[in-house]
Amino acid sequence: MKQEEEDEAHEFLGNFINVIDPSDINKNGRDKKKKTKKEKKKEKREHLKEKRKKKRPEEKKRKKEKKREALLKILNNLNEEEKIAFLKERKLSEIKKKEEKKQFLIKSYNEGYKICFNCSFQNLMEEKEISSLAKQIFLSYHYMLKKKVPVQFHFTHMNDNDDISSTLKKYSFDKWMVHIHKDDYWNIFNKDKIVVLSPDASEELEEIKKDEVYIISALVDRSVSKNLSFYQASLHGLKTRKLPLEVH
């Protein structure tokens, strides 16, 4: 394995070892403690983030219009023969990009680093938390495409009609190239190759291996999740690791 590939994989795991979005913690009102200054500032940042998110459709529309105007500007400076040649080349370029994306996804599905979302805790989450989780999973898939890091996504303890998969459908989950399993991960993968990623583990993950499966708990709610994935892994005699602090 090339060092560059390993570094990219390590960075990927660093971004998605924990799909919990800190902004979701305590949103359900379970913690009624007085907010600190740091928490208030964080809440303000999240409020601004939400406002920006609402503006995204308008920004997307403006960008689309800007691209259209740029294309028209190019075409207006070409004669008919040049226009035909330009549009043909543009179309071929788009086809090539789609094919490259398809081949990358096929390679990732079959040969990528194995990351598995353990969905066995979904009954502990409320609707808002599952919605946030689905968004984080979507972002991890999008991150893989953006960074071109070949990752083999697995989802265990998942059914077609459960809460997580149903919520993921709004992100076109049924079109993703991922592995879906109804059973639990410890019954699917070789136990010697399973590494459960948990901040509660005592040892750090030192290297990424292609033949290992890295388990991430698909759970958004730290009030109930502390030590939960670690305890579950220990119960089945599985290896647990945490990422180095500089990677988080």
Protein backbone atom coordinates (compact mmCIF):
# COMPACT_ATOMS: atom_id res chain seq x y z
CA MET A 1 0.00 0.00 0.00
CA LYS A 2 1.34 3.42 -0.91
CA GLN A 3 1.97 5.80 2.00
CA GLU A 4 -0.13 8.48 0.30
CA GLU A 5 -3.12 6.12 0.08
CA GLU A 6 -2.74 5.15 3.73
CA ASP A 7 -2.58 8.81 4.79
CA GLU A 8 -5.75 9.55 2.81
CA ALA A 9 -7.53 6.61 4.40
CA HIS A 10 -6.40 7.72 7.86
CA GLU A 11 -7.69 11.23 7.17
CA PHE A 12 -10.98 9.76 6.01
CA LEU A 13 -11.36 7.78 9.21
CA GLY A 14 -10.39 10.88 11.15
CA ASN A 15 -13.33 12.71 9.64
CA PHE A 16 -15.83 9.91 10.07
CA ILE A 17 -14.81 7.81 13.06
CA ASN A 18 -17.68 9.46 14.88
CA VAL A 19 -20.74 10.43 12.89
CA ILE A 20 -22.06 12.33 15.88
CA ASP A 21 -22.49 16.00 15.05
CA PRO A 22 -21.59 17.89 18.25
CA SER A 23 -24.30 20.45 17.48
CA ASP A 24 -26.93 17.74 18.01
CA ILE A 25 -25.90 16.96 21.57
CA ASN A 26 -28.60 17.90 24.09
CA LYS A 27 -30.94 19.28 21.41
CA ASN A 28 -33.58 16.91 22.72
CA GLY A 29 -33.59 18.70 26.05
CA ARG A 30 -32.20 15.88 28.16
CA ASP A 31 -29.55 18.11 29.63
CA LYS A 32 -31.02 21.20 31.32
CA LYS A 33 -27.78 22.60 32.73
CA LYS A 34 -27.05 26.29 32.32
CA LYS A 35 -25.15 26.95 29.12
CA THR A 36 -21.56 28.12 29.32
CA LYS A 37 -20.17 30.99 27.21
CA LYS A 38 -18.53 28.46 24.96
CA GLU A 39 -21.84 26.66 24.45
CA LYS A 40 -23.64 29.94 23.73
CA LYS A 41 -21.03 30.88 21.11
CA LYS A 42 -21.36 27.45 19.59
CA GLU A 43 -25.15 27.83 19.48
CA LYS A 44 -24.76 31.18 17.74
CA ARG A 45 -22.44 29.64 15.14
CA GLU A 46 -24.97 26.88 14.54
CA HIS A 47 -27.73 29.46 14.12
CA LEU A 48 -25.68 31.28 11.47
CA LYS A 49 -24.89 27.95 9.85
CA GLU A 50 -28.61 27.19 9.65
CA LYS A 51 -29.29 30.58 8.06
CA ARG A 52 -26.62 29.94 5.43
CA LYS A 53 -28.13 26.52 4.76
CA LYS A 54 -31.50 28.13 4.00
CA LYS A 55 -29.80 30.37 1.45
CA ARG A 56 -28.17 27.46 -0.36
CA PRO A 57 -31.03 26.84 -2.85
CA GLU A 58 -30.77 30.48 -3.96
CA GLU A 59 -26.98 30.25 -4.20
CA LYS A 60 -27.29 27.03 -6.19
CA LYS A 61 -29.70 28.74 -8.57
CA ARG A 62 -27.35 31.72 -8.98
CA LYS A 63 -24.38 29.44 -9.69
CA LYS A 64 -26.40 27.54 -12.29
CA GLU A 65 -27.41 30.79 -13.95
CA LYS A 66 -23.81 32.03 -13.87
CA LYS A 67 -22.62 28.83 -15.59
CA ARG A 68 -25.34 29.22 -18.19
CA GLU A 69 -24.32 32.82 -18.88
CA ALA A 70 -20.65 31.81 -19.17
CA LEU A 71 -21.58 29.08 -21.66
CA LEU A 72 -23.68 31.48 -23.74
CA LYS A 73 -20.81 33.97 -23.75
CA ILE A 74 -18.47 31.33 -25.17
CA LEU A 75 -21.02 30.20 -27.77
CA ASN A 76 -21.75 33.75 -28.90
CA ASN A 77 -18.10 34.15 -29.88
CA LEU A 78 -18.11 31.02 -32.05
CA ASN A 79 -19.40 30.39 -35.54
CA GLU A 80 -21.81 27.51 -36.22
CA GLU A 81 -19.09 24.98 -37.01
CA GLU A 82 -17.13 25.91 -33.90
CA LYS A 83 -20.27 25.72 -31.76
CA ILE A 84 -21.01 22.17 -32.91
CA ALA A 85 -17.41 21.09 -32.24
CA PHE A 86 -17.38 22.79 -28.81
CA LEU A 87 -20.68 21.25 -27.67
CA LYS A 88 -19.62 17.82 -28.94
CA GLU A 89 -16.36 18.00 -26.99
CA ARG A 90 -18.23 19.21 -23.90
CA LYS A 91 -20.66 16.30 -24.12
CA LEU A 92 -17.81 13.79 -24.51
CA SER A 93 -16.10 15.31 -21.47
CA GLU A 94 -19.27 14.88 -19.39
CA ILE A 95 -19.62 11.26 -20.51
CA LYS A 96 -15.99 10.60 -19.59
CA LYS A 97 -16.46 12.09 -16.10
CA LYS A 98 -19.56 9.96 -15.50
CA GLU A 99 -17.71 6.82 -16.59
CA GLU A 100 -14.73 7.66 -14.36
CA LYS A 101 -17.09 8.15 -11.41
CA LYS A 102 -18.80 4.84 -12.16
CA GLN A 103 -15.48 2.96 -12.33
CA PHE A 104 -14.30 4.60 -9.10
CA LEU A 105 -17.50 3.52 -7.32
CA ILE A 106 -17.19 -0.05 -8.62
CA LYS A 107 -13.58 -0.22 -7.43
CA SER A 108 -14.52 1.26 -4.05
CA TYR A 109 -17.41 -1.20 -3.65
CA ASN A 110 -15.18 -4.20 -4.34
CA GLU A 111 -11.71 -3.19 -3.18
CA GLY A 112 -11.94 -0.09 -0.97
CA TYR A 113 -11.04 0.33 2.69
CA LYS A 114 -13.86 -1.30 4.66
CA ILE A 115 -15.88 1.04 6.84
CA CYS A 116 -18.98 -0.33 8.53
CA PHE A 117 -21.76 1.69 10.15
CA ASN A 118 -23.16 -0.29 13.08
CA CYS A 119 -26.89 0.55 13.05
CA SER A 120 -27.86 -1.59 16.04
CA PHE A 121 -28.46 1.45 18.27
CA GLN A 122 -31.14 3.14 16.17
CA ASN A 123 -33.90 2.31 18.66
CA LEU A 124 -32.13 4.65 21.13
CA MET A 125 -32.56 7.67 18.85
CA GLU A 126 -35.44 10.02 18.20
CA GLU A 127 -36.52 11.25 14.77
CA LYS A 128 -34.39 14.41 14.87
CA GLU A 129 -31.30 12.43 15.86
CA ILE A 130 -31.82 9.89 13.09
CA SER A 131 -32.24 12.75 10.61
CA SER A 132 -28.91 14.22 11.74
CA LEU A 133 -27.27 10.80 11.52
CA ALA A 134 -28.53 10.31 7.96
CA LYS A 135 -27.06 13.65 6.99
CA GLN A 136 -23.68 12.75 8.49
CA ILE A 137 -23.64 9.43 6.64
CA PHE A 138 -24.50 11.22 3.40
CA LEU A 139 -21.63 13.65 4.00
CA SER A 140 -19.23 10.75 4.53
CA TYR A 141 -20.27 9.22 1.19
CA HIS A 142 -19.99 12.60 -0.52
CA TYR A 143 -16.56 13.12 1.09
CA MET A 144 -15.38 9.82 -0.39
CA LEU A 145 -16.44 10.96 -3.88
CA LYS A 146 -14.91 14.39 -3.45
CA LYS A 147 -11.55 13.17 -2.10
CA LYS A 148 -11.47 10.07 -4.34
CA VAL A 149 -10.60 7.82 -1.40
CA PRO A 150 -11.81 4.29 -2.29
CA VAL A 151 -14.03 3.20 0.60
CA GLN A 152 -16.20 0.10 0.81
CA PHE A 153 -19.26 1.16 2.82
CA HIS A 154 -21.10 -1.46 4.88
CA PHE A 155 -24.27 -1.03 6.94
CA THR A 156 -25.12 -3.74 9.46
CA HIS A 157 -28.29 -4.40 11.45
CA MET A 158 -30.18 -2.56 8.70
CA ASN A 159 -33.48 -3.36 6.96
CA ASP A 160 -35.17 -1.71 3.99
CA ASN A 161 -37.93 -0.22 6.11
CA ASP A 162 -36.08 0.71 9.31
CA ASP A 163 -35.72 4.32 10.45
CA ILE A 164 -32.15 4.92 9.28
CA SER A 165 -32.52 3.46 5.78
CA SER A 166 -35.91 5.18 5.32
CA THR A 167 -34.42 8.55 6.29
CA LEU A 168 -31.38 8.00 4.05
CA LYS A 169 -33.67 7.57 1.05
CA LYS A 170 -34.08 11.33 0.82
CA TYR A 171 -30.36 11.36 -0.06
CA SER A 172 -30.97 8.79 -2.86
CA PHE A 173 -29.59 6.01 -0.67
CA ASP A 174 -31.08 3.37 -2.98
CA LYS A 175 -28.68 4.55 -5.71
CA TRP A 176 -25.53 4.35 -3.59
CA MET A 177 -23.06 1.52 -4.17
CA VAL A 178 -22.92 0.15 -0.62
CA HIS A 179 -23.22 -3.19 1.17
CA ILE A 180 -26.34 -3.63 3.33
CA HIS A 181 -26.58 -6.43 5.91
CA LYS A 182 -29.50 -7.37 8.14
CA ASP A 183 -27.24 -9.20 10.58
CA ASP A 184 -24.81 -7.69 13.12
CA TYR A 185 -21.21 -7.01 12.09
CA TRP A 186 -19.68 -9.60 14.45
CA ASN A 187 -21.66 -12.30 12.64
CA ILE A 188 -20.61 -11.11 9.16
CA PHE A 189 -16.90 -10.32 9.26
CA ASN A 190 -13.92 -12.33 10.44
CA LYS A 191 -13.56 -11.35 14.11
CA ASP A 192 -9.78 -11.20 13.79
CA LYS A 193 -10.18 -8.47 11.15
CA ILE A 194 -12.70 -6.30 13.02
CA VAL A 195 -11.55 -3.02 14.58
CA VAL A 196 -14.22 -1.12 16.52
CA LEU A 197 -13.42 2.59 16.50
CA SER A 198 -14.30 4.13 19.84
CA PRO A 199 -13.02 7.20 21.73
CA ASP A 200 -13.30 5.05 24.87
CA ALA A 201 -10.66 2.55 23.66
CA SER A 202 -7.34 2.54 25.52
CA GLU A 203 -5.10 1.98 22.48
CA GLU A 204 -4.67 4.17 19.40
CA LEU A 205 -5.05 3.04 15.80
CA GLU A 206 -1.55 3.07 14.37
CA GLU A 207 -2.12 2.00 10.76
CA ILE A 208 -4.89 1.39 8.25
CA LYS A 209 -5.07 -2.05 6.67
CA LYS A 210 -7.01 -3.05 3.58
CA ASP A 211 -8.02 -6.41 5.04
CA GLU A 212 -9.49 -4.96 8.25
CA VAL A 213 -13.04 -3.69 8.83
CA TYR A 214 -13.43 -0.45 10.79
CA ILE A 215 -16.67 -0.23 12.74
CA ILE A 216 -18.32 3.14 13.41
CA SER A 217 -21.31 3.40 15.73
CA ALA A 218 -24.24 4.99 13.90
CA LEU A 219 -25.55 6.82 16.93
CA VAL A 220 -26.30 10.49 17.59
CA ASP A 221 -26.80 11.04 21.31
CA ARG A 222 -23.85 11.09 23.66
CA SER A 223 -26.09 11.06 26.71
CA VAL A 224 -26.65 7.34 26.09
CA SER A 225 -23.73 6.41 23.84
CA LYS A 226 -20.80 6.84 26.21
CA ASN A 227 -18.95 3.52 26.36
CA LEU A 228 -21.86 1.79 24.58
CA SER A 229 -19.99 0.73 21.42
CA PHE A 230 -16.91 -0.10 23.50
CA TYR A 231 -18.96 -2.30 25.84
CA GLN A 232 -20.67 -4.02 22.90
CA ALA A 233 -17.31 -4.76 21.26
CA SER A 234 -15.81 -6.04 24.53
CA LEU A 235 -18.81 -8.32 25.03
CA HIS A 236 -17.93 -10.07 21.76
CA GLY A 237 -14.18 -10.07 22.39
CA LEU A 238 -13.41 -7.61 19.59
CA LYS A 239 -10.47 -5.28 19.15
CA THR A 240 -11.13 -1.60 19.89
CA ARG A 241 -9.04 1.39 18.87
CA LYS A 242 -9.26 5.17 19.01
CA LEU A 243 -7.80 7.58 16.50
CA PRO A 244 -4.81 9.71 17.58
CA LEU A 245 -5.87 13.12 18.90
CA GLU A 246 -4.18 14.97 16.04
CA VAL A 247 -6.41 13.14 13.55
CA HIS A 248 -9.73 14.00 15.23
